[in-house]
Amino acid sequence: MPGNSPHYGRWPQHDFTSLKKLRPQSVTSRIQPGSDVIVCAEMDEQWGYVGAKSRQRWLFYAYDSLRKTVVAHVFGERTMATLGRLMSLLSPFDVVIWMTDGWPLYESRLKGKLHVISKRYTQRIERHNLNLRQHLARLGRKSLSFLKICGAA
């Protein structure tokens, strides 16, 4: 009944105790190079295209599996040069263990570092790839959506 409601005819008074409380690690700022150690960094690449499938673009990125956040990313072709750009962005960080899939360029680029090649230890970044494909139509597979212009890569 309208007369029995305490909020009828006026704005409701909000009780902010019912709002979702965020954990401190989900509100912290970006990872600071040199001051933070990244224990496990997963690296992967994801395919997309601009305009036509012949104009491929690859997203290379590193994912901190403990903080559950992307550390660095670059766009480009699937070449050693693009991987080198990503590695130069990651050079200020102290990464203990690198985890990748079986792409041979990772192995050649990470020689001399603690490097684990396994699909088991890249599950989080692969799940992140699926989330990106699910929520961003332009990254979806077998999709009609595409970019019409090519920005600076």
Foldseek 3Di string as FASTA:
>chain_A
DQVPDPCRPHHDDDDVVPDDDDDVLVPDDADDFQPDAQAEKEWDKAWFAAADPVRIKIKIWIARPVSGGTRDIDIDDPDLVRVVVRVVSCVSHHYQEYEYEDDVSVCVVQPPGHYHHDPVVNVSVVVVLVVCLVPPVRRDPPGPDHHHDDDDD
